[in-house]
C-alpha cells in the first residue's frame, strides 16, 4: 500500500501563527467501531469519536477541529475529487469547549480497498485531531500524545494486487450542540444541528450529580433550539447531557443570576 503520510506527520504541514496566544490540550477517543470489528471493502460502517478538551484553556467558538482518518497507516482519501487526506469539519465549533467539555465526530462511510493477499489482516484504524485558528488569536495544542484515537480492527481480504487503499466514499456526519448564552441567567438555549432523525432528550445535573432538569423532546432532525428555563436554579456550575439517539454530548453550564 502506498503510504500517503503517517499519523505523526499528519499535521506537520500545517503552520500556526508564530505568536500563539493559547495553548490547549485536546484528546481523541474512538468508541466505535469496537475492537476486532471486521470491515469489508465498499461496505459502510459507523465511526464514533469523542473529542475532549482536557486542558485548562478553552477552545473558543472561532476555533475549528481538524481531523484525519487512517487505515493501516494510510491516510484515507475522501471521494468527490478530494486530493488530500485531511478533512476539515464542515462548520465552526459554534461553542466554547471548556475543560472536560466534549464534542462527537460521527461518520458513516465505506472504504474501497484491495489487498495483496487472500488473508484477512488485523490493522489499526485511527483518527488524528488538532485545533486550528488562523486569526491573530491563534491556538495550538502542545500535547500531542493523546491526539490519536485508534482501534485494532480486521480488514477483510479483497485480493487484487498490488494496489492498496483506493478511495473512501460516503458522507461524513456531524451532530453539533451549542449552548447560548453561557453563563446563563434565566433561560438557556441549546442549539442542535442534526443530520439524522433521532429521539432527543436533555438532562441537566448539579455538581453533586442530582438531576435538576429533564426534558424529552421526541424525534428531531435538522436545526432546532431547545429553550430551558433556569430561573429556579441557584447560581453555580451545572452539567448538561444531550442525547440524540446514540449520540451523546455533554458540557458545562454556568448559572449566574443577579
Protein backbone atom coordinates (compact mmCIF):
# COMPACT_ATOMS: atom_id res chain seq x y z
CA UNK A 1 0.00 0.00 0.00
CA UNK A 2 1.22 3.47 -0.78
CA UNK A 3 1.87 5.45 2.38
CA UNK A 4 0.23 8.81 1.92
CA UNK A 5 1.66 10.11 5.19
CA UNK A 6 1.92 8.86 8.74
CA UNK A 7 -0.08 9.81 11.79
CA UNK A 8 2.89 11.56 13.32
CA UNK A 9 3.36 13.78 10.27
CA UNK A 10 -0.29 14.30 9.50
CA UNK A 11 -0.49 17.78 10.90
CA UNK A 12 3.12 18.75 10.43
CA UNK A 13 2.31 20.55 7.21
CA UNK A 14 0.02 22.98 9.00
CA UNK A 15 1.64 26.10 10.38
CA UNK A 16 0.03 28.03 13.18
CA UNK A 17 0.57 31.69 13.93
CA UNK A 18 4.05 32.36 15.25
CA UNK A 19 2.74 34.21 18.27
CA UNK A 20 0.37 31.53 19.55
CA UNK A 21 -1.52 33.03 22.46
CA UNK A 22 -3.44 29.98 23.64
CA UNK A 23 -2.07 26.54 24.37
CA UNK A 24 -4.79 23.88 24.61
CA UNK A 25 -4.88 20.12 25.05
CA UNK A 26 -7.48 18.03 23.22
CA UNK A 27 -7.76 14.26 23.20
CA UNK A 28 -9.45 11.77 20.90
CA UNK A 29 -11.13 8.52 21.98
CA UNK A 30 -12.58 6.14 19.39
CA UNK A 31 -15.69 4.42 20.76
CA UNK A 32 -16.87 2.87 17.51
CA UNK A 33 -16.04 0.57 15.77
CA UNK A 34 -15.30 -1.80 18.62
CA UNK A 35 -12.05 -3.75 18.82
CA UNK A 36 -11.75 -6.61 16.29
CA UNK A 37 -14.66 -5.29 14.23
CA UNK A 38 -14.44 -6.58 10.65
CA UNK A 39 -14.72 -4.17 7.73
CA UNK A 40 -15.17 -5.12 4.09
CA UNK A 41 -14.25 -3.15 1.01
CA UNK A 42 -17.13 -0.95 -0.10
CA UNK A 43 -19.36 -1.79 2.90
CA UNK A 44 -20.36 1.19 5.03
CA UNK A 45 -19.74 1.20 8.77
CA UNK A 46 -20.09 3.73 11.57
CA UNK A 47 -17.30 5.53 13.36
CA UNK A 48 -17.80 7.49 16.59
CA UNK A 49 -15.07 9.54 18.21
CA UNK A 50 -15.26 11.66 21.35
CA UNK A 51 -13.03 14.74 21.33
CA UNK A 52 -12.41 16.21 24.79
CA UNK A 53 -10.75 19.40 25.89
CA UNK A 54 -8.62 18.03 28.71
CA UNK A 55 -6.63 21.23 29.18
CA UNK A 56 -7.41 24.21 31.38
CA UNK A 57 -7.61 26.69 28.49
CA UNK A 58 -10.82 26.78 26.41
CA UNK A 59 -11.34 26.22 22.72
CA UNK A 60 -13.29 29.25 21.59
CA UNK A 61 -16.26 29.46 19.25
CA UNK A 62 -13.95 30.71 16.47
CA UNK A 63 -11.74 27.62 16.61
CA UNK A 64 -12.19 24.56 14.44
CA UNK A 65 -11.24 20.93 14.83
CA UNK A 66 -9.25 19.37 12.01
CA UNK A 67 -9.07 15.60 11.74
CA UNK A 68 -7.92 12.75 9.50
CA UNK A 69 -8.78 9.06 9.25
CA UNK A 70 -6.20 6.30 8.81
CA UNK A 71 -6.39 2.62 7.93
CA UNK A 72 -3.26 0.52 8.34
CA UNK A 73 -1.17 3.71 8.46
CA UNK A 74 -2.61 5.04 5.20
CA UNK A 75 -4.42 8.38 5.15
CA UNK A 76 -7.88 7.90 3.67
CA UNK A 77 -8.76 9.96 0.61
CA UNK A 78 -12.37 11.09 0.55
CA UNK A 79 -14.46 10.99 -2.61
CA UNK A 80 -15.70 13.94 -4.63
CA UNK A 81 -12.31 14.68 -6.13
CA UNK A 82 -10.56 15.40 -2.85
CA UNK A 83 -6.79 15.17 -3.21
CA UNK A 84 -5.96 15.39 0.49
CA UNK A 85 -6.32 13.01 3.38
CA UNK A 86 -7.16 15.84 5.76
CA UNK A 87 -10.84 16.56 6.31
CA UNK A 88 -11.93 19.83 7.85
CA UNK A 89 -15.10 19.90 9.90
CA UNK A 90 -17.87 21.44 7.88
CA UNK A 91 -18.51 24.27 10.33
CA UNK A 92 -17.01 26.10 13.27
CA UNK A 93 -17.41 24.56 16.68
CA UNK A 94 -20.10 27.13 17.44
CA UNK A 95 -19.50 26.89 21.18
CA UNK A 96 -16.78 27.27 23.77
CA UNK A 97 -15.20 23.99 24.86
CA UNK A 98 -14.12 24.44 28.46
CA UNK A 99 -12.12 21.86 30.36
CA UNK A 100 -13.74 18.38 30.15
CA UNK A 101 -16.30 19.53 27.55
CA UNK A 102 -16.72 17.20 24.58
CA UNK A 103 -17.89 17.05 21.01
CA UNK A 104 -18.51 13.92 18.97
CA UNK A 105 -17.42 13.13 15.45
CA UNK A 106 -19.87 10.67 13.89
CA UNK A 107 -19.02 9.31 10.47
CA UNK A 108 -20.63 6.79 8.17
CA UNK A 109 -18.60 5.83 5.14
CA UNK A 110 -17.32 2.87 3.19
CA UNK A 111 -13.69 2.23 2.35
CA UNK A 112 -12.83 0.86 -1.04
CA UNK A 113 -9.54 -1.04 -0.94
CA UNK A 114 -7.68 -4.02 -2.34
CA UNK A 115 -5.25 -6.39 -0.60
CA UNK A 116 -2.17 -8.21 -1.83
CA UNK A 117 -3.11 -11.47 -0.12
CA UNK A 118 -6.22 -13.56 0.35
CA UNK A 119 -5.85 -13.49 4.14
CA UNK A 120 -7.75 -11.14 6.43
CA UNK A 121 -5.49 -8.72 8.27
CA UNK A 122 -5.66 -7.02 11.67
CA UNK A 123 -4.85 -3.34 11.25
CA UNK A 124 -5.03 -0.08 13.17
CA UNK A 125 -7.96 2.21 12.31
CA UNK A 126 -7.27 5.67 13.67
CA UNK A 127 -8.31 9.28 13.78
CA UNK A 128 -5.92 12.16 14.48
CA UNK A 129 -7.28 15.53 15.65
CA UNK A 130 -5.91 19.01 16.15
CA UNK A 131 -7.30 22.51 16.76
CA UNK A 132 -6.85 25.29 14.27
CA UNK A 133 -7.48 29.03 14.20
CA UNK A 134 -5.67 31.19 11.67
CA UNK A 135 -6.70 34.50 13.24
CA UNK A 136 -4.50 36.71 15.41
CA UNK A 137 -5.98 34.90 18.43
CA UNK A 138 -4.34 31.65 17.40
CA UNK A 139 -4.49 28.31 19.15
CA UNK A 140 -2.05 25.41 19.38
CA UNK A 141 -2.15 22.00 21.03
CA UNK A 142 1.25 21.48 22.63
CA UNK A 143 0.42 18.00 24.00
CA UNK A 144 0.05 15.67 21.02
CA UNK A 145 0.43 12.25 22.64
CA UNK A 146 -3.34 11.99 23.17
CA UNK A 147 -4.45 13.37 19.80
CA UNK A 148 -4.94 9.95 18.23
CA UNK A 149 -7.82 7.56 18.83
CA UNK A 150 -7.31 4.05 17.43
CA UNK A 151 -8.88 0.60 17.37
CA UNK A 152 -7.49 -2.70 16.14
CA UNK A 153 -9.92 -3.96 13.51
CA UNK A 154 -9.94 -6.74 10.92
CA UNK A 155 -9.68 -5.78 7.26
CA UNK A 156 -11.40 -8.49 5.20
CA UNK A 157 -9.29 -9.61 2.26
CA UNK A 158 -10.16 -8.14 -1.15
CA UNK A 159 -7.42 -9.72 -3.28
CA UNK A 160 -6.27 -7.68 -6.25
CA UNK A 161 -2.54 -6.93 -6.05
CA UNK A 162 -0.67 -4.67 -5.93
CA UNK A 163 -2.99 -1.78 -5.14
CA UNK A 164 -3.61 -0.54 -1.62
CA UNK A 165 -6.28 1.74 -0.18
CA UNK A 166 -8.15 3.14 -3.14
CA UNK A 167 -10.91 5.52 -2.10
CA UNK A 168 -13.19 6.48 0.74
CA UNK A 169 -16.78 7.12 -0.21
CA UNK A 170 -19.79 8.28 1.73
CA UNK A 171 -20.86 11.25 3.81
CA UNK A 172 -19.21 12.39 6.98
CA UNK A 173 -21.93 13.10 9.56
CA UNK A 174 -21.62 15.51 12.46
CA UNK A 175 -24.09 16.49 15.15
CA UNK A 176 -23.45 19.79 16.88
CA UNK A 177 -24.74 21.11 20.21
CA UNK A 178 -24.10 24.67 21.33
CA UNK A 179 -25.28 26.48 24.46
CA UNK A 180 -26.09 30.19 24.44
CA UNK A 181 -25.57 32.24 26.48
CA UNK A 182 -23.07 30.76 28.87
CA UNK A 183 -23.11 31.99 31.66
CA UNK A 184 -26.89 31.65 31.74
CA UNK A 185 -29.27 33.95 33.58
CA UNK A 186 -32.93 32.88 33.40
CA UNK A 187 -33.04 30.92 30.13
CA UNK A 188 -30.62 28.61 28.32
CA UNK A 189 -30.81 28.00 24.59
CA UNK A 190 -29.44 24.69 23.33
CA UNK A 191 -28.93 24.83 19.56
CA UNK A 192 -28.91 21.43 17.88
CA UNK A 193 -27.69 20.69 14.37
CA UNK A 194 -28.60 17.12 13.44
CA UNK A 195 -28.04 15.15 10.27
CA UNK A 196 -30.33 12.24 11.12
CA UNK A 197 -33.76 11.81 12.70
CA UNK A 198 -33.36 10.74 16.33
CA UNK A 199 -35.05 10.83 19.71
CA UNK A 200 -33.75 13.83 21.66
CA UNK A 201 -33.55 14.29 25.41
CA UNK A 202 -31.89 16.92 27.57
CA UNK A 203 -30.78 16.47 31.18
CA UNK A 204 -29.11 18.97 33.49
CA UNK A 205 -27.32 17.93 36.71
CA UNK A 206 -25.87 19.91 39.58
CA UNK A 207 -22.29 19.31 40.70
CA UNK A 208 -23.41 16.58 43.12
CA UNK A 209 -24.91 14.60 40.23
CA UNK A 210 -28.51 15.37 41.17
CA UNK A 211 -30.85 15.63 38.18
CA UNK A 212 -32.45 19.09 38.24
CA UNK A 213 -33.99 19.36 34.74
CA UNK A 214 -35.11 16.61 32.36
CA UNK A 215 -36.86 17.12 29.03
CA UNK A 216 -37.78 14.58 26.36
CA UNK A 217 -38.29 16.34 23.03
CA UNK A 218 -39.28 13.39 20.86
CA UNK A 219 -37.93 12.91 17.34
CA UNK A 220 -35.95 15.75 15.81
CA UNK A 221 -33.73 16.41 12.83
CA UNK A 222 -32.04 19.37 11.21
CA UNK A 223 -31.60 22.59 13.17
CA UNK A 224 -33.55 23.02 16.40
CA UNK A 225 -33.41 25.17 19.54
CA UNK A 226 -34.38 23.85 22.97
CA UNK A 227 -35.24 26.68 25.38
CA UNK A 228 -34.85 25.78 29.05
CA UNK A 229 -35.89 27.98 31.96
CA UNK A 230 -33.14 28.26 34.57
CA UNK A 231 -34.78 30.89 36.80
CA UNK A 232 -35.35 28.33 39.56
CA UNK A 233 -31.73 27.19 39.64
CA UNK A 234 -29.25 28.54 42.11
CA UNK A 235 -26.09 30.21 40.86
CA UNK A 236 -23.32 27.76 40.17
CA UNK A 237 -21.92 25.18 37.76
CA UNK A 238 -24.16 22.54 36.16
CA UNK A 239 -23.54 19.70 33.73
CA UNK A 240 -25.77 19.11 30.72
CA UNK A 241 -26.27 15.93 28.72
CA UNK A 242 -27.94 15.98 25.29
CA UNK A 243 -28.86 12.62 23.79
CA UNK A 244 -29.62 12.43 20.06
CA UNK A 245 -30.27 8.74 19.56
CA UNK A 246 -26.95 7.03 20.33
CA UNK A 247 -25.07 10.32 20.03
CA UNK A 248 -24.43 11.80 23.49
CA UNK A 249 -22.85 15.22 24.03
CA UNK A 250 -22.04 16.80 27.37
CA UNK A 251 -20.81 20.12 28.66
CA UNK A 252 -20.79 22.63 31.49
CA UNK A 253 -23.33 25.38 32.11
CA UNK A 254 -22.76 28.28 34.49
CA UNK A 255 -25.86 29.88 36.01
CA UNK A 256 -25.35 33.47 37.16
CA UNK A 257 -28.46 35.40 38.11
CA UNK A 258 -28.48 38.92 39.52
